[in-house]
Amino acid sequence: MTADGTSAKLFLSYSRDAAVFAQAVAAGLEERGFVAWTDRGFPHGGDFDERLRRELDHSELVVVFVSSETPRSPNVNFEIGAALAQGKLVLPIYLSEAASRGASGLLRRTQGIEAYTLTPAEVADKIAGAVDAAAA
């Protein structure tokens, strides 16, 4: 929830290798009352880029699932850059120790969540706590 009591809108950014985990976390966030946007079920193509930009623009927090594929994902890197350029809060979720060590300097500036041994439900709880702390 945000400071005014409304549901926080979260944009979830991930590479294909993290999609299943990210989708499970999104479901957990939605169970907790958050609006968690992912590209699931939305066909890539002409309207996709516009929809992605609109969802990113209207999000309050960008959650980035950092995997070994993240450095090679143009979409994830674009989303990180766009979020930072807009002054949005970016919360990295490190899916492995190697991903944490290999994260870009842009992500390392932000306190992230080390999720190597956490379940999607536990990660959703930690994200919810981060949102609450940011809203306070």
N, C-alpha and C. Protein backbone atom coordinates (compact mmCIF):
# COMPACT_ATOMS: atom_id res chain seq x y z
N MET A 1 0.83 -1.18 0.00
CA MET A 1 0.00 0.00 0.00
C MET A 1 0.87 1.25 0.00
N THR A 2 0.34 2.28 -0.57
CA THR A 2 1.06 3.55 -0.57
C THR A 2 0.66 4.34 0.66
N ALA A 3 1.29 5.50 0.86
CA ALA A 3 1.02 6.31 2.03
C ALA A 3 -0.44 6.76 2.09
N ASP A 4 -1.10 6.90 0.93
CA ASP A 4 -2.51 7.34 0.92
C ASP A 4 -3.48 6.16 0.99
N GLY A 5 -2.98 4.94 1.21
CA GLY A 5 -3.84 3.78 1.39
C GLY A 5 -4.25 3.06 0.11
N THR A 6 -3.76 3.51 -1.04
CA THR A 6 -4.09 2.82 -2.29
C THR A 6 -3.07 1.74 -2.57
N SER A 7 -3.40 0.85 -3.48
CA SER A 7 -2.49 -0.23 -3.85
C SER A 7 -1.32 0.33 -4.65
N ALA A 8 -0.12 -0.06 -4.27
CA ALA A 8 1.07 0.35 -5.02
C ALA A 8 1.11 -0.40 -6.33
N LYS A 9 1.48 0.31 -7.39
CA LYS A 9 1.60 -0.32 -8.71
C LYS A 9 3.07 -0.63 -8.95
N LEU A 10 3.36 -1.91 -9.15
CA LEU A 10 4.72 -2.38 -9.32
C LEU A 10 4.92 -2.87 -10.75
N PHE A 11 6.06 -2.55 -11.32
CA PHE A 11 6.45 -3.02 -12.65
C PHE A 11 7.53 -4.06 -12.43
N LEU A 12 7.31 -5.29 -12.90
CA LEU A 12 8.28 -6.36 -12.72
C LEU A 12 9.05 -6.58 -14.00
N SER A 13 10.36 -6.45 -13.91
CA SER A 13 11.26 -6.58 -15.05
C SER A 13 12.11 -7.83 -14.86
N TYR A 14 12.19 -8.64 -15.91
CA TYR A 14 12.94 -9.90 -15.80
C TYR A 14 13.28 -10.41 -17.19
N SER A 15 14.34 -11.19 -17.25
CA SER A 15 14.69 -11.86 -18.50
C SER A 15 13.95 -13.19 -18.56
N ARG A 16 13.93 -13.79 -19.70
CA ARG A 16 13.15 -15.02 -19.92
C ARG A 16 13.51 -16.13 -18.92
N ASP A 17 14.79 -16.23 -18.54
CA ASP A 17 15.17 -17.31 -17.63
C ASP A 17 14.61 -17.13 -16.22
N ALA A 18 14.13 -15.95 -15.91
CA ALA A 18 13.56 -15.68 -14.59
C ALA A 18 12.04 -15.55 -14.63
N ALA A 19 11.44 -15.81 -15.78
CA ALA A 19 10.01 -15.56 -15.96
C ALA A 19 9.12 -16.36 -15.01
N VAL A 20 9.39 -17.63 -14.84
CA VAL A 20 8.53 -18.46 -13.99
C VAL A 20 8.57 -17.96 -12.55
N PHE A 21 9.76 -17.67 -12.05
CA PHE A 21 9.89 -17.18 -10.68
C PHE A 21 9.22 -15.82 -10.54
N ALA A 22 9.46 -14.92 -11.50
CA ALA A 22 8.86 -13.58 -11.45
C ALA A 22 7.34 -13.64 -11.48
N GLN A 23 6.79 -14.53 -12.30
CA GLN A 23 5.33 -14.67 -12.36
C GLN A 23 4.77 -15.17 -11.03
N ALA A 24 5.48 -16.07 -10.38
CA ALA A 24 5.04 -16.57 -9.08
C ALA A 24 5.09 -15.46 -8.02
N VAL A 25 6.12 -14.64 -8.07
CA VAL A 25 6.21 -13.51 -7.14
C VAL A 25 5.08 -12.51 -7.44
N ALA A 26 4.80 -12.26 -8.72
CA ALA A 26 3.71 -11.35 -9.09
C ALA A 26 2.39 -11.84 -8.49
N ALA A 27 2.13 -13.13 -8.58
CA ALA A 27 0.90 -13.68 -8.00
C ALA A 27 0.86 -13.45 -6.49
N GLY A 28 2.00 -13.65 -5.83
CA GLY A 28 2.08 -13.41 -4.39
C GLY A 28 1.85 -11.95 -4.03
N LEU A 29 2.37 -11.05 -4.85
CA LEU A 29 2.16 -9.62 -4.61
C LEU A 29 0.70 -9.25 -4.78
N GLU A 30 0.08 -9.81 -5.80
CA GLU A 30 -1.34 -9.51 -6.03
C GLU A 30 -2.20 -10.04 -4.89
N GLU A 31 -1.84 -11.19 -4.33
CA GLU A 31 -2.55 -11.72 -3.16
C GLU A 31 -2.42 -10.78 -1.97
N ARG A 32 -1.36 -10.01 -1.93
CA ARG A 32 -1.12 -9.07 -0.83
C ARG A 32 -1.70 -7.69 -1.13
N GLY A 33 -2.41 -7.54 -2.25
CA GLY A 33 -3.09 -6.29 -2.56
C GLY A 33 -2.35 -5.34 -3.48
N PHE A 34 -1.23 -5.76 -4.01
CA PHE A 34 -0.47 -4.91 -4.94
C PHE A 34 -0.93 -5.14 -6.37
N VAL A 35 -0.70 -4.16 -7.20
CA VAL A 35 -0.89 -4.30 -8.64
C VAL A 35 0.50 -4.56 -9.20
N ALA A 36 0.73 -5.76 -9.72
CA ALA A 36 2.05 -6.16 -10.21
C ALA A 36 1.96 -6.43 -11.71
N TRP A 37 2.56 -5.56 -12.52
CA TRP A 37 2.48 -5.71 -13.97
C TRP A 37 3.65 -6.54 -14.49
N THR A 38 3.31 -7.52 -15.31
CA THR A 38 4.31 -8.29 -16.06
C THR A 38 3.82 -8.35 -17.50
N ASP A 39 4.67 -8.84 -18.37
CA ASP A 39 4.28 -8.94 -19.77
C ASP A 39 3.58 -10.27 -20.08
N ARG A 40 3.22 -11.00 -19.06
CA ARG A 40 2.57 -12.30 -19.26
C ARG A 40 1.26 -12.14 -20.02
N GLY A 41 1.12 -12.93 -21.05
CA GLY A 41 -0.11 -12.93 -21.81
C GLY A 41 -0.28 -11.76 -22.75
N PHE A 42 0.69 -10.89 -22.79
CA PHE A 42 0.59 -9.74 -23.69
C PHE A 42 1.51 -9.98 -24.87
N PRO A 43 0.96 -10.07 -26.07
CA PRO A 43 1.79 -10.40 -27.24
C PRO A 43 2.80 -9.30 -27.56
N HIS A 44 4.01 -9.71 -27.85
CA HIS A 44 5.04 -8.75 -28.25
C HIS A 44 4.72 -8.28 -29.66
N GLY A 45 5.08 -7.07 -29.95
CA GLY A 45 4.80 -6.52 -31.27
C GLY A 45 4.51 -5.04 -31.16
N GLY A 46 3.82 -4.52 -32.13
CA GLY A 46 3.59 -3.09 -32.26
C GLY A 46 3.09 -2.40 -31.00
N ASP A 47 1.98 -2.88 -30.43
CA ASP A 47 1.43 -2.23 -29.25
C ASP A 47 2.20 -2.56 -27.97
N PHE A 48 3.00 -3.60 -28.02
CA PHE A 48 3.71 -4.03 -26.82
C PHE A 48 4.63 -2.94 -26.30
N ASP A 49 5.43 -2.33 -27.17
CA ASP A 49 6.37 -1.30 -26.72
C ASP A 49 5.64 -0.12 -26.07
N GLU A 50 4.52 0.28 -26.67
CA GLU A 50 3.74 1.38 -26.10
C GLU A 50 3.14 0.99 -24.76
N ARG A 51 2.62 -0.20 -24.68
CA ARG A 51 2.03 -0.67 -23.41
C ARG A 51 3.11 -0.77 -22.33
N LEU A 52 4.27 -1.28 -22.69
CA LEU A 52 5.37 -1.40 -21.73
C LEU A 52 5.75 -0.02 -21.20
N ARG A 53 5.90 0.95 -22.09
CA ARG A 53 6.26 2.31 -21.65
C ARG A 53 5.19 2.90 -20.74
N ARG A 54 3.93 2.70 -21.11
CA ARG A 54 2.82 3.24 -20.30
C ARG A 54 2.83 2.61 -18.91
N GLU A 55 2.99 1.30 -18.84
CA GLU A 55 3.00 0.62 -17.54
C GLU A 55 4.20 1.06 -16.70
N LEU A 56 5.33 1.21 -17.33
CA LEU A 56 6.52 1.69 -16.62
C LEU A 56 6.31 3.11 -16.12
N ASP A 57 5.75 3.97 -16.97
CA ASP A 57 5.49 5.36 -16.58
C ASP A 57 4.57 5.46 -15.37
N HIS A 58 3.59 4.57 -15.28
CA HIS A 58 2.60 4.66 -14.22
C HIS A 58 2.94 3.83 -12.98
N SER A 59 4.07 3.19 -13.00
CA SER A 59 4.46 2.38 -11.83
C SER A 59 5.11 3.26 -10.76
N GLU A 60 5.02 2.78 -9.55
CA GLU A 60 5.64 3.48 -8.43
C GLU A 60 6.99 2.88 -8.06
N LEU A 61 7.15 1.60 -8.37
CA LEU A 61 8.38 0.88 -8.05
C LEU A 61 8.66 -0.11 -9.17
N VAL A 62 9.92 -0.20 -9.56
CA VAL A 62 10.32 -1.18 -10.57
C VAL A 62 11.14 -2.26 -9.87
N VAL A 63 10.63 -3.47 -9.94
CA VAL A 63 11.28 -4.64 -9.33
C VAL A 63 12.02 -5.36 -10.44
N VAL A 64 13.34 -5.49 -10.29
CA VAL A 64 14.16 -6.12 -11.33
C VAL A 64 14.69 -7.45 -10.80
N PHE A 65 14.29 -8.53 -11.47
CA PHE A 65 14.80 -9.86 -11.12
C PHE A 65 16.12 -10.05 -11.85
N VAL A 66 17.20 -10.06 -11.08
CA VAL A 66 18.54 -10.11 -11.65
C VAL A 66 19.01 -11.56 -11.71
N SER A 67 19.20 -12.03 -12.93
CA SER A 67 19.68 -13.40 -13.16
C SER A 67 20.96 -13.34 -13.97
N SER A 68 21.48 -14.49 -14.31
CA SER A 68 22.70 -14.53 -15.12
C SER A 68 22.46 -13.97 -16.52
N GLU A 69 21.21 -13.96 -16.98
CA GLU A 69 20.88 -13.44 -18.31
C GLU A 69 20.65 -11.93 -18.34
N THR A 70 20.45 -11.32 -17.19
CA THR A 70 20.11 -9.90 -17.14
C THR A 70 21.09 -9.00 -17.90
N PRO A 71 22.41 -9.19 -17.76
CA PRO A 71 23.32 -8.28 -18.49
C PRO A 71 23.15 -8.35 -20.01
N ARG A 72 22.62 -9.44 -20.52
CA ARG A 72 22.45 -9.61 -21.97
C ARG A 72 21.03 -9.34 -22.45
N SER A 73 20.18 -8.87 -21.58
CA SER A 73 18.79 -8.63 -21.94
C SER A 73 18.57 -7.16 -22.28
N PRO A 74 18.40 -6.83 -23.56
CA PRO A 74 18.19 -5.42 -23.91
C PRO A 74 16.93 -4.85 -23.28
N ASN A 75 15.87 -5.66 -23.16
CA ASN A 75 14.63 -5.15 -22.58
C ASN A 75 14.81 -4.80 -21.10
N VAL A 76 15.42 -5.71 -20.34
CA VAL A 76 15.60 -5.44 -18.92
C VAL A 76 16.51 -4.22 -18.73
N ASN A 77 17.57 -4.13 -19.50
CA ASN A 77 18.47 -2.99 -19.36
C ASN A 77 17.79 -1.68 -19.76
N PHE A 78 16.93 -1.71 -20.78
CA PHE A 78 16.15 -0.52 -21.14
C PHE A 78 15.24 -0.12 -19.98
N GLU A 79 14.54 -1.11 -19.40
CA GLU A 79 13.60 -0.83 -18.32
C GLU A 79 14.32 -0.25 -17.10
N ILE A 80 15.49 -0.76 -16.78
CA ILE A 80 16.27 -0.22 -15.66
C ILE A 80 16.63 1.23 -15.95
N GLY A 81 17.17 1.49 -17.14
CA GLY A 81 17.57 2.84 -17.50
C GLY A 81 16.41 3.81 -17.51
N ALA A 82 15.28 3.39 -18.08
CA ALA A 82 14.10 4.26 -18.13
C ALA A 82 13.60 4.57 -16.72
N ALA A 83 13.58 3.56 -15.87
CA ALA A 83 13.10 3.77 -14.50
C ALA A 83 14.01 4.75 -13.76
N LEU A 84 15.31 4.57 -13.87
CA LEU A 84 16.24 5.47 -13.19
C LEU A 84 16.16 6.88 -13.75
N ALA A 85 15.99 7.00 -15.07
CA ALA A 85 15.87 8.32 -15.69
C ALA A 85 14.62 9.06 -15.20
N GLN A 86 13.58 8.30 -14.87
CA GLN A 86 12.35 8.90 -14.36
C GLN A 86 12.38 9.11 -12.85
N GLY A 87 13.48 8.74 -12.24
CA GLY A 87 13.60 8.90 -10.79
C GLY A 87 12.78 7.91 -9.99
N LYS A 88 12.44 6.78 -10.60
CA LYS A 88 11.64 5.77 -9.90
C LYS A 88 12.53 4.94 -8.97
N LEU A 89 11.91 4.40 -7.95
CA LEU A 89 12.62 3.46 -7.09
C LEU A 89 12.80 2.16 -7.85
N VAL A 90 14.00 1.61 -7.78
CA VAL A 90 14.32 0.34 -8.43
C VAL A 90 14.79 -0.62 -7.34
N LEU A 91 14.15 -1.78 -7.29
CA LEU A 91 14.48 -2.79 -6.28
C LEU A 91 15.00 -4.04 -6.97
N PRO A 92 16.32 -4.30 -6.89
CA PRO A 92 16.86 -5.52 -7.49
C PRO A 92 16.57 -6.74 -6.62
N ILE A 93 16.19 -7.82 -7.28
CA ILE A 93 16.00 -9.12 -6.62
C ILE A 93 17.05 -10.04 -7.21
N TYR A 94 18.07 -10.36 -6.45
CA TYR A 94 19.18 -11.17 -6.94
C TYR A 94 18.83 -12.65 -6.82
N LEU A 95 18.80 -13.34 -7.95
CA LEU A 95 18.37 -14.73 -7.97
C LEU A 95 19.49 -15.72 -7.74
N SER A 96 20.73 -15.26 -7.76
CA SER A 96 21.87 -16.12 -7.46
C SER A 96 23.03 -15.25 -6.99
N GLU A 97 23.99 -15.87 -6.32
CA GLU A 97 25.17 -15.12 -5.90
C GLU A 97 25.92 -14.59 -7.12
N ALA A 98 26.01 -15.40 -8.17
CA ALA A 98 26.70 -14.96 -9.39
C ALA A 98 26.00 -13.74 -10.00
N ALA A 99 24.67 -13.74 -9.99
CA ALA A 99 23.93 -12.60 -10.53
C ALA A 99 24.18 -11.36 -9.68
N SER A 100 24.27 -11.53 -8.38
CA SER A 100 24.54 -10.40 -7.49
C SER A 100 25.93 -9.82 -7.77
N ARG A 101 26.92 -10.69 -7.92
CA ARG A 101 28.28 -10.23 -8.20
C ARG A 101 28.38 -9.59 -9.58
N GLY A 102 27.61 -10.07 -10.55
CA GLY A 102 27.70 -9.57 -11.91
C GLY A 102 26.77 -8.41 -12.23
N ALA A 103 26.03 -7.93 -11.23
CA ALA A 103 25.07 -6.85 -11.47
C ALA A 103 25.77 -5.56 -11.86
N SER A 104 25.11 -4.78 -12.67
CA SER A 104 25.68 -3.50 -13.11
C SER A 104 25.81 -2.55 -11.93
N GLY A 105 26.69 -1.59 -12.10
CA GLY A 105 26.89 -0.57 -11.07
C GLY A 105 25.62 0.20 -10.76
N LEU A 106 24.75 0.36 -11.76
CA LEU A 106 23.48 1.06 -11.54
C LEU A 106 22.63 0.35 -10.50
N LEU A 107 22.60 -0.97 -10.57
CA LEU A 107 21.80 -1.73 -9.61
C LEU A 107 22.49 -1.83 -8.25
N ARG A 108 23.79 -1.85 -8.25
CA ARG A 108 24.51 -2.01 -6.99
C ARG A 108 24.35 -0.81 -6.08
N ARG A 109 23.95 0.33 -6.64
CA ARG A 109 23.74 1.54 -5.83
C ARG A 109 22.50 1.41 -4.94
N THR A 110 21.67 0.45 -5.24
CA THR A 110 20.40 0.28 -4.54
C THR A 110 20.44 -0.99 -3.70
N GLN A 111 19.95 -0.89 -2.49
CA GLN A 111 19.86 -2.08 -1.63
C GLN A 111 18.87 -3.05 -2.25
N GLY A 112 19.31 -4.27 -2.49
CA GLY A 112 18.45 -5.27 -3.10
C GLY A 112 18.10 -6.39 -2.14
N ILE A 113 17.41 -7.36 -2.68
CA ILE A 113 17.01 -8.54 -1.91
C ILE A 113 17.75 -9.75 -2.48
N GLU A 114 18.48 -10.45 -1.63
CA GLU A 114 19.16 -11.66 -2.04
C GLU A 114 18.17 -12.81 -1.91
N ALA A 115 17.72 -13.32 -3.05
CA ALA A 115 16.63 -14.29 -3.06
C ALA A 115 17.10 -15.69 -3.42
N TYR A 116 18.39 -15.96 -3.25
CA TYR A 116 18.94 -17.25 -3.70
C TYR A 116 18.21 -18.44 -3.10
N THR A 117 17.82 -18.34 -1.85
CA THR A 117 17.21 -19.49 -1.18
C THR A 117 15.76 -19.22 -0.77
N LEU A 118 15.19 -18.15 -1.27
CA LEU A 118 13.83 -17.77 -0.88
C LEU A 118 12.79 -18.32 -1.86
N THR A 119 11.61 -18.57 -1.34
CA THR A 119 10.50 -18.96 -2.19
C THR A 119 9.88 -17.70 -2.80
N PRO A 120 9.08 -17.84 -3.84
CA PRO A 120 8.38 -16.66 -4.39
C PRO A 120 7.54 -15.95 -3.33
N ALA A 121 6.89 -16.69 -2.43
CA ALA A 121 6.08 -16.06 -1.38
C ALA A 121 6.96 -15.24 -0.43
N GLU A 122 8.13 -15.75 -0.10
CA GLU A 122 9.04 -15.01 0.78
C GLU A 122 9.56 -13.75 0.09
N VAL A 123 9.82 -13.84 -1.21
CA VAL A 123 10.26 -12.66 -1.95
C VAL A 123 9.14 -11.63 -2.00
N ALA A 124 7.90 -12.08 -2.22
CA ALA A 124 6.76 -11.16 -2.23
C ALA A 124 6.63 -10.45 -0.88
N ASP A 125 6.85 -11.17 0.21
CA ASP A 125 6.81 -10.56 1.54
C ASP A 125 7.89 -9.48 1.69
N LYS A 126 9.08 -9.78 1.21
CA LYS A 126 10.18 -8.81 1.32
C LYS A 126 9.92 -7.58 0.46
N ILE A 127 9.37 -7.78 -0.73
CA ILE A 127 9.03 -6.64 -1.59
C ILE A 127 7.95 -5.79 -0.91
N ALA A 128 6.94 -6.45 -0.34
CA ALA A 128 5.88 -5.73 0.36
C ALA A 128 6.46 -4.89 1.50
N GLY A 129 7.42 -5.45 2.22
CA GLY A 129 8.08 -4.71 3.29
C GLY A 129 8.85 -3.51 2.76
N ALA A 130 9.51 -3.67 1.63
CA ALA A 130 10.26 -2.57 1.02
C ALA A 130 9.31 -1.46 0.57
N VAL A 131 8.17 -1.83 0.02
CA VAL A 131 7.19 -0.83 -0.42
C VAL A 131 6.66 -0.07 0.81
N ASP A 132 6.34 -0.79 1.86
CA ASP A 132 5.85 -0.15 3.07
C ASP A 132 6.89 0.80 3.65
N ALA A 133 8.15 0.39 3.66
CA ALA A 133 9.22 1.25 4.18
C ALA A 133 9.39 2.50 3.33
N ALA A 134 9.28 2.35 2.01
CA ALA A 134 9.43 3.50 1.11
C ALA A 134 8.27 4.47 1.27
N ALA A 135 7.07 3.95 1.58
CA ALA A 135 5.89 4.80 1.72
C ALA A 135 5.86 5.54 3.06
N ALA A 136 6.64 5.04 4.03
CA ALA A 136 6.59 5.64 5.38
C ALA A 136 7.29 6.98 5.43
